[in-house]
Amino acid sequence: MPEVAASTRLARASEAAFQSLGDETVIVLPLTRTLHVLNPTGRFLWEALEEGPRTAGELAERLAAAYDVEASVARTDVLSWAAELRRQRVLVESAPVDPAR
């Protein structure tokens, strides 16, 4: 699976069921019978995808602003987070919306 770039549009996997418990979010993929636990930062990024697909770069910008961290640090963290969750099929790549439609 290719690495995640800042321009990669990410979305939640449609089969992912999730529940927030305290500071963590638990995600279950029923088909693979896997469970994933997100820390508060991961939860922040997961919730940012609630509105729809976002690029990894957009997520990094939101993370940098919300947590007052340098953009380069946020970008590195988001790319790593997204690559791991995409590898685990919790996140999927989303095609850009065609404005002609």
N, C-alpha and C. Protein backbone atom coordinates (compact mmCIF):
# COMPACT_ATOMS: atom_id res chain seq x y z
N MET A 1 0.86 -1.18 0.00
CA MET A 1 0.00 0.00 0.00
C MET A 1 0.91 1.24 0.00
N PRO A 2 0.66 2.19 -0.91
CA PRO A 2 1.50 3.39 -0.97
C PRO A 2 1.40 4.23 0.30
N GLU A 3 2.45 4.98 0.55
CA GLU A 3 2.46 5.87 1.70
C GLU A 3 1.38 6.94 1.56
N VAL A 4 1.04 7.55 2.66
CA VAL A 4 0.08 8.65 2.67
C VAL A 4 0.85 9.94 2.45
N ALA A 5 0.37 10.77 1.53
CA ALA A 5 0.95 12.08 1.26
C ALA A 5 0.02 13.15 1.81
N ALA A 6 0.51 14.36 1.90
CA ALA A 6 -0.32 15.46 2.40
C ALA A 6 -1.55 15.66 1.54
N SER A 7 -1.46 15.32 0.26
CA SER A 7 -2.59 15.50 -0.66
C SER A 7 -3.56 14.33 -0.67
N THR A 8 -3.25 13.26 0.04
CA THR A 8 -4.13 12.08 0.09
C THR A 8 -5.42 12.44 0.81
N ARG A 9 -6.56 12.22 0.13
CA ARG A 9 -7.86 12.46 0.74
C ARG A 9 -8.27 11.22 1.51
N LEU A 10 -8.56 11.41 2.77
CA LEU A 10 -8.88 10.30 3.66
C LEU A 10 -10.33 10.37 4.13
N ALA A 11 -10.89 9.20 4.34
CA ALA A 11 -12.25 9.09 4.88
C ALA A 11 -12.28 7.91 5.84
N ARG A 12 -13.26 7.93 6.72
CA ARG A 12 -13.48 6.79 7.60
C ARG A 12 -13.96 5.62 6.76
N ALA A 13 -13.54 4.42 7.10
CA ALA A 13 -14.06 3.23 6.44
C ALA A 13 -15.54 3.12 6.76
N SER A 14 -16.34 2.82 5.78
CA SER A 14 -17.80 2.79 5.99
C SER A 14 -18.22 1.72 6.98
N GLU A 15 -17.46 0.64 7.08
CA GLU A 15 -17.84 -0.43 8.00
C GLU A 15 -17.33 -0.22 9.42
N ALA A 16 -16.61 0.86 9.66
CA ALA A 16 -16.05 1.12 10.99
C ALA A 16 -17.15 1.59 11.94
N ALA A 17 -17.31 0.86 13.02
CA ALA A 17 -18.22 1.26 14.10
C ALA A 17 -17.34 1.81 15.22
N PHE A 18 -17.81 2.88 15.87
CA PHE A 18 -16.95 3.48 16.90
C PHE A 18 -17.78 4.00 18.06
N GLN A 19 -17.08 4.13 19.18
CA GLN A 19 -17.69 4.65 20.40
C GLN A 19 -16.62 5.40 21.17
N SER A 20 -16.96 6.58 21.67
CA SER A 20 -16.04 7.34 22.51
C SER A 20 -16.24 6.93 23.96
N LEU A 21 -15.13 6.65 24.62
CA LEU A 21 -15.14 6.25 26.02
C LEU A 21 -14.10 7.09 26.75
N GLY A 22 -14.56 8.09 27.47
CA GLY A 22 -13.61 8.98 28.14
C GLY A 22 -12.80 9.75 27.12
N ASP A 23 -11.49 9.71 27.26
CA ASP A 23 -10.60 10.41 26.33
C ASP A 23 -10.26 9.60 25.10
N GLU A 24 -10.72 8.37 25.04
CA GLU A 24 -10.36 7.50 23.93
C GLU A 24 -11.57 7.21 23.05
N THR A 25 -11.27 6.80 21.83
CA THR A 25 -12.29 6.33 20.91
C THR A 25 -11.94 4.91 20.51
N VAL A 26 -12.91 4.03 20.59
CA VAL A 26 -12.73 2.63 20.22
C VAL A 26 -13.40 2.42 18.87
N ILE A 27 -12.66 1.85 17.95
CA ILE A 27 -13.17 1.58 16.61
C ILE A 27 -13.15 0.08 16.38
N VAL A 28 -14.26 -0.46 15.88
CA VAL A 28 -14.37 -1.88 15.60
C VAL A 28 -14.64 -2.06 14.11
N LEU A 29 -13.89 -2.99 13.51
CA LEU A 29 -14.15 -3.38 12.13
C LEU A 29 -14.73 -4.80 12.18
N PRO A 30 -16.05 -4.92 12.06
CA PRO A 30 -16.70 -6.22 12.22
C PRO A 30 -16.20 -7.30 11.25
N LEU A 31 -15.93 -6.93 10.02
CA LEU A 31 -15.52 -7.95 9.04
C LEU A 31 -14.19 -8.59 9.38
N THR A 32 -13.28 -7.82 9.94
CA THR A 32 -11.96 -8.36 10.30
C THR A 32 -11.86 -8.70 11.78
N ARG A 33 -12.93 -8.37 12.52
CA ARG A 33 -12.97 -8.61 13.97
C ARG A 33 -11.78 -7.96 14.67
N THR A 34 -11.50 -6.73 14.28
CA THR A 34 -10.39 -6.00 14.89
C THR A 34 -10.91 -4.81 15.67
N LEU A 35 -10.15 -4.46 16.69
CA LEU A 35 -10.49 -3.36 17.58
C LEU A 35 -9.30 -2.41 17.59
N HIS A 36 -9.58 -1.12 17.50
CA HIS A 36 -8.54 -0.09 17.51
C HIS A 36 -8.92 0.97 18.53
N VAL A 37 -7.95 1.40 19.31
CA VAL A 37 -8.19 2.41 20.32
C VAL A 37 -7.39 3.66 19.94
N LEU A 38 -8.08 4.78 19.85
CA LEU A 38 -7.44 6.06 19.53
C LEU A 38 -7.26 6.88 20.80
N ASN A 39 -6.10 7.48 20.93
CA ASN A 39 -5.84 8.40 22.04
C ASN A 39 -6.52 9.73 21.75
N PRO A 40 -6.43 10.72 22.64
CA PRO A 40 -7.12 12.00 22.40
C PRO A 40 -6.74 12.68 21.07
N THR A 41 -5.48 12.59 20.68
CA THR A 41 -5.07 13.19 19.41
C THR A 41 -5.70 12.45 18.23
N GLY A 42 -5.65 11.13 18.28
CA GLY A 42 -6.29 10.33 17.23
C GLY A 42 -7.79 10.58 17.18
N ARG A 43 -8.38 10.73 18.35
CA ARG A 43 -9.82 11.03 18.42
C ARG A 43 -10.12 12.37 17.76
N PHE A 44 -9.28 13.37 18.00
CA PHE A 44 -9.45 14.68 17.38
C PHE A 44 -9.45 14.55 15.85
N LEU A 45 -8.50 13.79 15.33
CA LEU A 45 -8.40 13.60 13.87
C LEU A 45 -9.59 12.80 13.35
N TRP A 46 -9.99 11.76 14.07
CA TRP A 46 -11.14 10.95 13.68
C TRP A 46 -12.40 11.81 13.60
N GLU A 47 -12.59 12.67 14.61
CA GLU A 47 -13.75 13.55 14.63
C GLU A 47 -13.70 14.57 13.50
N ALA A 48 -12.52 14.99 13.09
CA ALA A 48 -12.39 15.93 11.97
C ALA A 48 -12.88 15.30 10.67
N LEU A 49 -12.85 13.97 10.60
CA LEU A 49 -13.34 13.27 9.40
C LEU A 49 -14.84 13.02 9.44
N GLU A 50 -15.48 13.40 10.54
CA GLU A 50 -16.93 13.20 10.66
C GLU A 50 -17.68 14.01 9.60
N GLU A 51 -17.16 15.16 9.26
CA GLU A 51 -17.80 16.05 8.28
C GLU A 51 -17.61 15.55 6.86
N GLY A 52 -16.71 14.62 6.66
CA GLY A 52 -16.44 14.10 5.33
C GLY A 52 -14.94 13.99 5.09
N PRO A 53 -14.56 13.52 3.90
CA PRO A 53 -13.15 13.33 3.60
C PRO A 53 -12.35 14.63 3.71
N ARG A 54 -11.11 14.48 4.13
CA ARG A 54 -10.16 15.59 4.25
C ARG A 54 -8.81 15.09 3.77
N THR A 55 -7.99 16.00 3.29
CA THR A 55 -6.63 15.60 2.96
C THR A 55 -5.83 15.49 4.24
N ALA A 56 -4.76 14.72 4.18
CA ALA A 56 -3.88 14.61 5.35
C ALA A 56 -3.32 15.99 5.70
N GLY A 57 -3.08 16.82 4.69
CA GLY A 57 -2.59 18.18 4.93
C GLY A 57 -3.60 19.02 5.70
N GLU A 58 -4.88 18.89 5.34
CA GLU A 58 -5.92 19.63 6.06
C GLU A 58 -6.01 19.17 7.51
N LEU A 59 -5.90 17.86 7.72
CA LEU A 59 -5.92 17.34 9.09
C LEU A 59 -4.73 17.87 9.88
N ALA A 60 -3.57 17.93 9.24
CA ALA A 60 -2.38 18.44 9.92
C ALA A 60 -2.55 19.91 10.30
N GLU A 61 -3.15 20.69 9.42
CA GLU A 61 -3.40 22.11 9.72
C GLU A 61 -4.32 22.24 10.94
N ARG A 62 -5.37 21.44 10.98
CA ARG A 62 -6.30 21.48 12.11
C ARG A 62 -5.60 21.07 13.41
N LEU A 63 -4.78 20.03 13.31
CA LEU A 63 -4.06 19.55 14.48
C LEU A 63 -3.09 20.61 15.00
N ALA A 64 -2.35 21.24 14.10
CA ALA A 64 -1.38 22.27 14.48
C ALA A 64 -2.08 23.43 15.18
N ALA A 65 -3.22 23.84 14.64
CA ALA A 65 -3.95 24.96 15.23
C ALA A 65 -4.56 24.60 16.59
N ALA A 66 -5.12 23.42 16.68
CA ALA A 66 -5.81 23.02 17.92
C ALA A 66 -4.84 22.72 19.06
N TYR A 67 -3.68 22.15 18.73
CA TYR A 67 -2.74 21.74 19.77
C TYR A 67 -1.53 22.66 19.87
N ASP A 68 -1.53 23.73 19.09
CA ASP A 68 -0.45 24.71 19.11
C ASP A 68 0.92 24.04 18.95
N VAL A 69 1.03 23.23 17.91
CA VAL A 69 2.31 22.60 17.58
C VAL A 69 2.77 23.09 16.22
N GLU A 70 4.05 22.93 15.95
CA GLU A 70 4.58 23.37 14.67
C GLU A 70 3.95 22.56 13.54
N ALA A 71 3.75 23.22 12.42
CA ALA A 71 3.11 22.58 11.27
C ALA A 71 3.88 21.33 10.82
N SER A 72 5.19 21.37 10.84
CA SER A 72 5.98 20.22 10.40
C SER A 72 5.79 19.02 11.34
N VAL A 73 5.67 19.27 12.62
CA VAL A 73 5.44 18.20 13.59
C VAL A 73 4.05 17.61 13.39
N ALA A 74 3.06 18.46 13.23
CA ALA A 74 1.69 18.00 13.01
C ALA A 74 1.60 17.18 11.73
N ARG A 75 2.26 17.63 10.70
CA ARG A 75 2.22 16.92 9.41
C ARG A 75 2.84 15.53 9.55
N THR A 76 4.00 15.46 10.19
CA THR A 76 4.66 14.16 10.39
C THR A 76 3.76 13.22 11.18
N ASP A 77 3.16 13.73 12.25
CA ASP A 77 2.29 12.92 13.09
C ASP A 77 1.05 12.44 12.34
N VAL A 78 0.43 13.33 11.58
CA VAL A 78 -0.78 12.96 10.84
C VAL A 78 -0.46 11.93 9.76
N LEU A 79 0.63 12.13 9.03
CA LEU A 79 0.98 11.18 7.97
C LEU A 79 1.25 9.79 8.55
N SER A 80 1.90 9.74 9.68
CA SER A 80 2.17 8.45 10.33
C SER A 80 0.87 7.81 10.82
N TRP A 81 0.02 8.61 11.48
CA TRP A 81 -1.27 8.13 12.00
C TRP A 81 -2.14 7.61 10.85
N ALA A 82 -2.22 8.39 9.79
CA ALA A 82 -3.08 8.03 8.66
C ALA A 82 -2.56 6.77 7.95
N ALA A 83 -1.25 6.67 7.80
CA ALA A 83 -0.68 5.48 7.14
C ALA A 83 -1.00 4.22 7.93
N GLU A 84 -0.87 4.30 9.25
CA GLU A 84 -1.14 3.13 10.09
C GLU A 84 -2.63 2.75 10.04
N LEU A 85 -3.52 3.73 10.15
CA LEU A 85 -4.95 3.41 10.12
C LEU A 85 -5.41 3.00 8.73
N ARG A 86 -4.77 3.50 7.71
CA ARG A 86 -5.11 3.05 6.36
C ARG A 86 -4.64 1.61 6.16
N ARG A 87 -3.45 1.30 6.67
CA ARG A 87 -2.94 -0.07 6.58
C ARG A 87 -3.89 -1.04 7.29
N GLN A 88 -4.48 -0.60 8.38
CA GLN A 88 -5.40 -1.43 9.14
C GLN A 88 -6.84 -1.35 8.61
N ARG A 89 -7.04 -0.60 7.55
CA ARG A 89 -8.34 -0.45 6.87
C ARG A 89 -9.39 0.28 7.70
N VAL A 90 -8.92 1.11 8.64
CA VAL A 90 -9.82 1.95 9.42
C VAL A 90 -10.11 3.22 8.62
N LEU A 91 -9.10 3.69 7.89
CA LEU A 91 -9.25 4.83 6.97
C LEU A 91 -9.10 4.32 5.55
N VAL A 92 -9.77 4.99 4.64
CA VAL A 92 -9.66 4.66 3.22
C VAL A 92 -9.34 5.93 2.44
N GLU A 93 -8.75 5.74 1.28
CA GLU A 93 -8.50 6.88 0.42
C GLU A 93 -9.79 7.23 -0.30
N SER A 94 -10.07 8.52 -0.38
CA SER A 94 -11.31 9.00 -0.99
C SER A 94 -10.98 9.80 -2.23
N ALA A 95 -11.68 9.53 -3.31
CA ALA A 95 -11.46 10.27 -4.54
C ALA A 95 -11.98 11.70 -4.39
N PRO A 96 -11.32 12.66 -5.03
CA PRO A 96 -11.81 14.04 -4.98
C PRO A 96 -13.19 14.13 -5.60
N VAL A 97 -13.97 15.08 -5.12
CA VAL A 97 -15.32 15.30 -5.65
C VAL A 97 -15.18 16.03 -6.98
N ASP A 98 -15.90 15.53 -7.98
CA ASP A 98 -15.88 16.15 -9.30
C ASP A 98 -16.89 17.29 -9.31
N PRO A 99 -16.43 18.56 -9.47
CA PRO A 99 -17.36 19.70 -9.43
C PRO A 99 -18.35 19.71 -10.60
N ALA A 100 -18.08 18.95 -11.67
CA ALA A 100 -18.98 18.90 -12.81
C ALA A 100 -20.22 18.06 -12.54
N ARG A 101 -20.18 17.28 -11.47
CA ARG A 101 -21.33 16.41 -11.15
C ARG A 101 -22.37 17.13 -10.39
